[in-house]
Amino acid sequence: MAPHLEPYVLAMLICDAIWKDPSTGKSFLLGTFSSIAATVFPVVHPVMGIYIVLTDGRGKVPIKLQLVSADEDDDNSRRGDGGCL
C-alpha cells in the first residue's frame, strides 16, 4: 500500500460555475470572483464552483474547505467536508 502524502495547493479559485469540455478535458471557469458581498451575514450564496489545483499528493487524502469571514472578530465561518481525493 502506497504511503499517504499530503497534497500541496498550487491554486484555488472561486467562480459561478466550472465547465469541462468533454472532447479536450479542459476546464473553463465562468464568472471568477474574489469576495462575496452582502448587507447582513450569514448569507446564502446559491451556487459556487471551487477549482483547486493540487500537487505532490499520493493515496486517498481527506480534504476540508472552510469559508471564513475576513473580519477576525466575526464567527460566521462555514465548513464543508470535501470527502476524499
Foldseek 3Di string as FASTA:
>chain_A
DDDWDDKDWPDKWKAQDWDADPVPRDIDGHGTDDDDDDPDPPDDDPGMDMDIDIDDGDDKDWDKDKDDDPPPVDPRIDIDGPGID
